[in-house]
Each structure stands twice: as structure tokens, then as C-alpha cells.
Amino acid sequence: MAYLIGIDLGGTKIHTALTTKDGVILKEAVLPTLAEEGEEKVLERILQSIEEVIVKGAIRRDELLSIGIGAPGLIDQKEGVILTAANLPFENYPLSDAIERVYQVPVKVENDGNAALLGEYHLGERKKTKNLVYMTVSTGVGGAAMVEGNLLLGAKGAAFEVGHMPLVKDSSILCGCGQYGHVESYVSGTGIRRAMERALKSGEKSSIKEGTHFGTREIYEASKMGDALSCKILEEAYAYLGMTVSQVLTLLNPEVVILGGGVSFIGEDFLKRVQHHTQKHTLPLIYEACEIRLSSFKEKTGVMGAVAVALSEME
């Protein structure tokens, strides 16, 4: 038998899957990234996750065909080097080489947005759509675009870093990249949590209490129970994301925009509000030509993208 491994390397967790050579998931492992512990500790957890799915799948190392990795930030795809990533401790880090030395199989590293788009293009419900955009809203915000079947990479492979597009003029909200007013600062899971923290610190009232542990899920649950502040913060995030999607539609005129990532767990409520705010800001001809939908892989979007990267390494 022959197998692939896909690794979704995120700022919060490492999601690893063992699959058949056709991309069918057999076993999975999820570990915390703990990025604050540094690059070598994160590498240890990546290797631990690989070993976990190999053991769970009861396969031999020599049955592995390739390993694909989707990672945030700027990636040198040819060399498998993470050049920089806002939510990871890697700087000019040769991740492919580090893993190839252990497993002796080809390892390909791709930007996580590009990887997720490749997963949708090759394996998803809208596969082979030639004018396709994928946007992930999670710890950070990223994405990728395909025009007439060609992935947009740009001069340095950094095209479509949509989370780092400026959104708010003269903003005091710091992005993880060190700049101010970026999309990621307002619509990511991190941005939503920090918006609630700022509101609570300023004295606004909520069923969520200052100093407690919470994230987007708790804010969403509070909103469903009628918490006005949670509703307000989520609606602001949806509005900013809709504005961002509108800009993407206006620039690229895609057939399909797919939304994924951790924040999309909200589901149809999330989708409908983003569609509403996108339509408000977009020319009707452009908006009506595009389907805005959630990822067909749901919480497995990232790891299925990484599997698609592993598949591409075999081509």
C-alpha cells in the first residue's frame, strides 16, 4: 500500500492526516502548536503528529509517498522554506529539509491559503472551477486565488495575502505582522477576541466577563443567548469581512469564493451575514456572477489542502 500525509500547520494547532493516495482520510492527529515555545519545539510537535498517524494507521515509514504541509505566511515553495509567518516562530526556516531528514520522503511546503485552494480545486465540491478564490478566517486571515486555472503567486510567491490588506485608515489596532489597521486585526478569531477584550476593559457590559478565558466560539454562543455586545462585535467582523470579499470580487470577478477556517464553524449565520455585507459593497453584475459558499471540507479544509499539496508532489 501507499499513503500520503497532510499537515495543516496553524498558529493554534497542528492537524495531521494519513490518507490513501487518492486523498481519503484514514487517521488523524491534532496537537497544540504552542508557537511561543520556539521553532524547534514546534518542529518536535510536527514530527510527533506524523509519528502518531503512522502508529494509528499501523503502516511502515517506507509506505509513505510524500508529505504536504500548509503553513501561514510567506513560503519559498521551491526550497520548502518558511520565510516569515506572523503567528509562528519560523524565520527563513528550512522545514522541508528538517522533515525529509527524518522520513526520507519528498516534503512540500505551501502557503496554507494556496494549499486550501488546491484542496478545493482538486478534491472539493466545486473542483476544477477555473476562477476560484479561497479565504480562511481563523487565528489569522489568509487566502489564495486562481484565475483561468492558474494559481496567482506573484513575484515572491506572496500574492493574495488578503489578511494584510489595509482596511481602516489611521487605526490604532495592531496586526500580528506589526502594521496597523489590517483585515486580520478586525475579522480573525484573534481580532474578534481582542475586540471583546477592549470593549470589556472600556466598561461595556456582557455575559462574558473580563479576565475569563474566551474565544470566538464563546462570543458566538453568548450572541445566540441575546448578549448585545457579542452580537455587535460579531456583526462588525462580518461587515469588515464583507467589505474585504467585495474588494476581492471587484478585482478578480471569480465564479466562486469559498470561506473556511476556524471562525466559519458559525456556519450559515456567518455565511449569510458575510454575503449580505458583500452585496452591499459590490456591483450587482459582479456579485450575481459569484457563488459565496462555505468550504465543503468544513473543519478539515486546511488538512485536505495539505493532502492536495502532497498529491501535487507526486505529479
Protein backbone atom coordinates (compact mmCIF):
# COMPACT_ATOMS: atom_id res chain seq x y z
CA MET A 1 0.00 0.00 0.00
CA ALA A 2 1.00 3.64 -0.50
CA TYR A 3 0.00 6.59 1.68
CA LEU A 4 0.17 10.37 1.93
CA ILE A 5 0.39 12.66 4.94
CA GLY A 6 -1.07 16.17 5.03
CA ILE A 7 -0.24 18.66 7.78
CA ASP A 8 -2.20 21.83 8.47
CA LEU A 9 0.28 23.90 10.48
CA GLY A 10 -1.61 26.72 12.17
CA GLY A 11 -0.90 29.31 14.80
CA THR A 12 -3.09 27.44 17.30
CA LYS A 13 -2.95 23.76 16.34
CA ILE A 14 -1.23 21.18 14.14
CA HIS A 15 -3.76 18.98 12.31
CA THR A 16 -2.22 15.95 10.60
CA ALA A 17 -3.93 13.31 8.45
CA LEU A 18 -2.83 9.99 6.98
CA THR A 19 -4.63 9.33 3.69
CA THR A 20 -4.75 6.93 0.79
CA LYS A 21 -3.00 8.03 -2.39
CA ASP A 22 -6.44 9.26 -3.56
CA GLY A 23 -6.82 11.59 -0.58
CA VAL A 24 -9.21 9.57 1.59
CA ILE A 25 -8.51 10.25 5.28
CA LEU A 26 -7.65 7.16 7.33
CA LYS A 27 -6.24 8.55 10.60
CA GLU A 28 -5.83 11.99 12.17
CA ALA A 29 -3.92 13.71 14.96
CA VAL A 30 -4.36 17.18 16.45
CA LEU A 31 -1.75 18.78 18.70
CA PRO A 32 -1.39 22.32 20.08
CA THR A 33 1.18 24.39 18.18
CA LEU A 34 2.43 26.28 21.27
CA ALA A 35 4.24 28.68 18.96
CA GLU A 36 5.57 30.71 21.88
CA GLU A 37 7.96 27.84 22.72
CA GLY A 38 10.03 28.43 19.57
CA GLU A 39 10.80 26.80 16.23
CA GLU A 40 12.49 23.61 17.43
CA LYS A 41 9.68 22.77 19.85
CA VAL A 42 7.12 23.33 17.09
CA LEU A 43 9.15 21.05 14.79
CA GLU A 44 9.14 18.39 17.53
CA ARG A 45 5.34 18.54 17.67
CA ILE A 46 5.07 18.32 13.87
CA LEU A 47 7.21 15.16 13.94
CA GLN A 48 5.18 13.84 16.88
CA SER A 49 1.96 14.32 14.91
CA ILE A 50 3.41 12.48 11.90
CA GLU A 51 4.50 9.60 14.09
CA GLU A 52 1.08 9.49 15.75
CA VAL A 53 -0.82 8.94 12.48
CA ILE A 54 1.74 6.39 11.29
CA VAL A 55 1.26 4.40 14.50
CA LYS A 56 -2.55 4.78 14.42
CA GLY A 57 -2.59 3.63 10.80
CA ALA A 58 -0.27 0.70 11.53
CA ILE A 59 1.81 1.48 8.43
CA ARG A 60 5.53 1.36 7.74
CA ARG A 61 7.54 4.51 7.02
CA ASP A 62 8.59 3.10 3.65
CA GLU A 63 4.91 3.05 2.59
CA LEU A 64 4.78 6.86 2.65
CA LEU A 65 4.81 8.50 -0.79
CA SER A 66 5.02 12.16 0.22
CA ILE A 67 4.16 14.72 2.89
CA GLY A 68 2.40 18.02 2.19
CA ILE A 69 2.31 20.96 4.59
CA GLY A 70 0.12 24.05 4.54
CA ALA A 71 1.61 26.85 6.65
CA PRO A 72 0.75 30.53 7.14
CA GLY A 73 2.99 33.33 5.93
CA LEU A 74 5.46 33.71 3.10
CA ILE A 75 6.84 30.45 1.73
CA ASP A 76 9.67 29.65 -0.67
CA GLN A 77 7.84 26.74 -2.30
CA LYS A 78 10.83 25.59 -4.33
CA GLU A 79 13.11 25.23 -1.30
CA GLY A 80 10.45 24.39 1.29
CA VAL A 81 11.45 27.32 3.49
CA ILE A 82 9.10 29.36 5.68
CA LEU A 83 10.41 32.89 5.12
CA THR A 84 8.22 34.58 7.72
CA ALA A 85 4.89 33.91 9.44
CA ALA A 86 3.04 36.29 11.76
CA ASN A 87 1.63 33.52 14.00
CA LEU A 88 4.57 31.08 14.00
CA PRO A 89 8.16 31.34 15.30
CA PHE A 90 9.72 30.47 11.93
CA GLU A 91 12.05 32.88 10.10
CA ASN A 92 13.88 31.57 6.99
CA TYR A 93 13.30 28.08 8.35
CA PRO A 94 14.00 25.05 6.07
CA LEU A 95 11.01 22.97 7.15
CA SER A 96 11.07 20.57 4.18
CA ASP A 97 14.68 19.61 4.81
CA ALA A 98 14.08 19.14 8.54
CA ILE A 99 11.29 16.61 7.92
CA GLU A 100 12.87 14.92 4.89
CA ARG A 101 15.94 14.10 7.01
CA VAL A 102 13.72 12.09 9.36
CA TYR A 103 11.33 10.36 6.94
CA GLN A 104 13.30 10.17 3.67
CA VAL A 105 10.28 11.09 1.52
CA PRO A 106 9.53 14.23 -0.53
CA VAL A 107 8.10 17.04 1.62
CA LYS A 108 6.43 20.06 0.02
CA VAL A 109 5.54 23.21 1.98
CA GLU A 110 2.92 25.58 0.61
CA ASN A 111 1.20 28.68 1.92
CA ASP A 112 -1.90 27.50 3.77
CA GLY A 113 -4.22 29.64 1.66
CA ASN A 114 -2.77 28.23 -1.55
CA ALA A 115 -2.96 24.73 -0.09
CA ALA A 116 -6.61 25.09 0.88
CA LEU A 117 -7.48 26.40 -2.58
CA LEU A 118 -5.68 23.44 -4.18
CA GLY A 119 -7.66 21.12 -1.92
CA GLU A 120 -10.93 22.66 -3.07
CA TYR A 121 -9.81 22.68 -6.72
CA HIS A 122 -8.68 19.04 -6.79
CA LEU A 123 -10.87 17.38 -4.16
CA GLY A 124 -13.79 19.68 -3.23
CA GLU A 125 -17.42 20.06 -4.31
CA ARG A 126 -16.51 22.86 -6.74
CA LYS A 127 -13.42 21.13 -8.10
CA LYS A 128 -11.99 22.29 -11.42
CA THR A 129 -13.63 25.73 -11.11
CA LYS A 130 -11.12 27.85 -13.03
CA ASN A 131 -11.83 31.24 -11.43
CA LEU A 132 -11.78 30.41 -7.75
CA VAL A 133 -10.96 32.23 -4.51
CA TYR A 134 -10.40 30.68 -1.10
CA MET A 135 -10.33 32.76 2.09
CA THR A 136 -9.56 31.39 5.54
CA VAL A 137 -10.70 33.15 8.70
CA SER A 138 -9.04 31.55 11.71
CA THR A 139 -6.30 32.64 14.12
CA GLY A 140 -5.26 34.83 11.21
CA VAL A 141 -6.73 35.59 7.78
CA GLY A 142 -5.30 34.28 4.53
CA GLY A 143 -6.32 33.11 1.13
CA ALA A 144 -5.48 32.28 -2.43
CA ALA A 145 -6.84 32.91 -5.89
CA MET A 146 -6.94 31.02 -9.17
CA VAL A 147 -7.57 32.78 -12.48
CA GLU A 148 -8.35 30.66 -15.54
CA GLY A 149 -6.94 27.62 -13.74
CA ASN A 150 -3.65 29.29 -12.76
CA LEU A 151 -2.73 29.91 -9.13
CA LEU A 152 -1.77 33.54 -8.51
CA LEU A 153 1.65 33.56 -6.85
CA GLY A 154 3.23 36.95 -7.58
CA ALA A 155 6.88 37.95 -7.78
CA LYS A 156 7.77 36.47 -4.38
CA GLY A 157 5.00 33.90 -4.04
CA ALA A 158 3.22 36.32 -1.71
CA ALA A 159 0.14 37.17 -3.79
CA PHE A 160 -3.24 37.33 -2.07
CA GLU A 161 -2.04 37.93 1.49
CA VAL A 162 -5.55 39.26 1.98
CA GLY A 163 -5.30 39.37 5.77
CA HIS A 164 -2.67 42.09 5.47
CA MET A 165 -4.62 44.40 3.19
CA PRO A 166 -5.19 47.77 4.91
CA LEU A 167 -8.81 48.12 5.98
CA VAL A 168 -9.14 51.00 8.46
CA LYS A 169 -7.38 54.36 8.00
CA ASP A 170 -5.42 55.70 11.00
CA SER A 171 -6.26 52.58 13.01
CA SER A 172 -4.74 52.01 16.44
CA ILE A 173 -5.36 48.25 16.17
CA LEU A 174 -2.06 46.40 15.77
CA CYS A 175 -1.86 43.40 13.45
CA GLY A 176 0.32 40.38 14.22
CA CYS A 177 2.63 41.45 11.38
CA GLY A 178 3.46 44.73 13.15
CA GLN A 179 1.37 47.04 10.96
CA TYR A 180 -1.90 48.77 11.84
CA GLY A 181 -5.45 48.51 10.52
CA HIS A 182 -5.13 45.27 8.54
CA VAL A 183 -8.05 42.98 7.71
CA GLU A 184 -6.72 40.30 10.06
CA SER A 185 -6.87 42.69 13.02
CA TYR A 186 -10.64 43.02 12.64
CA VAL A 187 -12.08 39.77 11.28
CA SER A 188 -9.83 36.92 12.51
CA GLY A 189 -10.59 34.86 15.59
CA THR A 190 -7.79 36.75 17.33
CA GLY A 191 -9.22 40.09 16.19
CA ILE A 192 -12.73 39.21 17.41
CA ARG A 193 -11.43 38.13 20.82
CA ARG A 194 -9.36 41.29 21.20
CA ALA A 195 -12.34 43.44 20.21
CA MET A 196 -14.28 41.89 23.10
CA GLU A 197 -11.34 42.40 25.47
CA ARG A 198 -11.14 46.09 24.52
CA ALA A 199 -14.89 46.53 24.97
CA LEU A 200 -14.90 44.89 28.40
CA LYS A 201 -11.90 46.94 29.51
CA SER A 202 -13.71 50.14 28.49
CA GLY A 203 -16.64 49.19 30.72
CA GLU A 204 -19.15 47.75 28.22
CA LYS A 205 -21.40 45.06 29.69
CA SER A 206 -21.59 41.44 28.58
CA SER A 207 -22.35 37.99 29.91
CA ILE A 208 -18.68 37.33 29.09
CA LYS A 209 -16.58 38.65 31.96
CA GLU A 210 -13.26 40.47 31.77
CA GLY A 211 -10.32 38.28 32.74
CA THR A 212 -12.01 34.98 31.84
CA HIS A 213 -10.85 32.66 29.07
CA PHE A 214 -12.93 33.02 25.91
CA GLY A 215 -12.69 32.96 22.14
CA THR A 216 -14.89 33.32 19.09
CA ARG A 217 -16.94 30.25 20.00
CA GLU A 218 -17.88 31.66 23.42
CA ILE A 219 -18.69 35.05 21.86
CA TYR A 220 -20.92 33.37 19.28
CA GLU A 221 -22.67 31.29 21.95
CA ALA A 222 -23.26 34.45 24.01
CA SER A 223 -24.69 36.19 20.95
CA LYS A 224 -27.19 33.35 20.46
CA MET A 225 -28.32 33.89 24.06
CA GLY A 226 -29.01 37.55 23.30
CA ASP A 227 -25.82 39.17 24.58
CA ALA A 228 -25.89 42.58 22.87
CA LEU A 229 -22.15 43.23 22.99
CA SER A 230 -21.33 39.84 21.46
CA CYS A 231 -23.87 40.47 18.68
CA LYS A 232 -22.34 43.89 18.00
CA ILE A 233 -18.76 42.61 17.85
CA LEU A 234 -19.61 39.72 15.52
CA GLU A 235 -21.66 41.97 13.23
CA GLU A 236 -18.72 44.38 12.95
CA ALA A 237 -16.45 41.48 11.99
CA TYR A 238 -18.95 40.25 9.40
CA ALA A 239 -19.21 43.77 7.95
CA TYR A 240 -15.44 44.14 7.64
CA LEU A 241 -15.14 40.69 6.08
CA GLY A 242 -17.92 41.52 3.62
CA MET A 243 -16.06 44.68 2.60
CA THR A 244 -12.92 42.60 2.07
CA VAL A 245 -14.73 39.97 -0.03
CA SER A 246 -16.27 42.80 -2.08
CA GLN A 247 -12.80 44.13 -2.90
CA VAL A 248 -11.73 40.64 -3.97
CA LEU A 249 -14.80 40.25 -6.20
CA THR A 250 -14.23 43.64 -7.78
CA LEU A 251 -10.58 42.90 -8.54
CA LEU A 252 -10.87 39.29 -9.75
CA ASN A 253 -14.51 38.65 -10.78
CA PRO A 254 -14.38 34.99 -9.59
CA GLU A 255 -17.01 32.32 -10.16
CA VAL A 256 -16.77 31.01 -6.60
CA VAL A 257 -15.47 32.37 -3.28
CA ILE A 258 -15.02 29.69 -0.62
CA LEU A 259 -14.84 30.68 3.05
CA GLY A 260 -13.14 28.38 5.54
CA GLY A 261 -11.09 28.42 8.71
CA GLY A 262 -11.90 28.20 12.40
CA VAL A 263 -14.34 31.12 12.51
CA SER A 264 -16.52 29.54 9.81
CA PHE A 265 -17.74 26.98 12.39
CA ILE A 266 -20.56 29.52 12.90
CA GLY A 267 -21.93 28.14 9.64
CA GLU A 268 -24.96 29.56 7.86
CA ASP A 269 -25.26 32.55 10.22
CA PHE A 270 -21.69 33.52 9.33
CA LEU A 271 -22.22 32.91 5.61
CA LYS A 272 -25.48 34.87 5.34
CA ARG A 273 -24.10 37.93 7.14
CA VAL A 274 -20.92 37.97 5.03
CA GLN A 275 -22.99 37.58 1.85
CA HIS A 276 -25.22 40.47 2.97
CA HIS A 277 -22.32 42.83 3.62
CA THR A 278 -20.52 41.76 0.44
CA GLN A 279 -23.59 42.50 -1.68
CA LYS A 280 -23.92 45.97 -0.10
CA HIS A 281 -20.50 46.98 -1.47
CA THR A 282 -20.33 45.13 -4.81
CA LEU A 283 -21.56 45.96 -8.31
CA PRO A 284 -24.62 43.75 -8.99
CA LEU A 285 -23.18 42.28 -12.21
CA ILE A 286 -20.08 41.09 -10.35
CA TYR A 287 -21.88 39.91 -7.20
CA GLU A 288 -24.51 37.93 -9.11
CA ALA A 289 -21.85 36.10 -11.14
CA CYS A 290 -20.23 34.70 -7.99
CA GLU A 291 -21.24 32.00 -5.53
CA ILE A 292 -20.03 32.70 -1.97
CA ARG A 293 -20.06 29.45 -0.02
CA LEU A 294 -18.53 27.62 2.92
CA SER A 295 -15.80 25.05 2.39
CA SER A 296 -17.03 21.57 1.53
CA PHE A 297 -14.42 20.19 3.95
CA LYS A 298 -15.55 22.32 6.93
CA GLU A 299 -13.04 21.90 9.79
CA LYS A 300 -10.87 19.65 7.61
CA THR A 301 -10.25 22.30 4.92
CA GLY A 302 -6.68 23.01 5.99
CA VAL A 303 -5.59 19.41 6.26
CA MET A 304 -7.26 18.45 2.95
CA GLY A 305 -5.36 21.31 1.36
CA ALA A 306 -2.15 19.87 2.74
CA VAL A 307 -3.12 16.48 1.30
CA ALA A 308 -3.59 18.15 -2.10
CA VAL A 309 -0.06 19.58 -1.72
CA ALA A 310 1.24 16.06 -1.04
CA LEU A 311 -0.62 14.82 -4.12
CA SER A 312 0.97 17.57 -6.22
CA GLU A 313 4.41 16.44 -5.06
CA MET A 314 3.73 13.09 -6.75
CA GLU A 315 2.89 14.67 -10.12
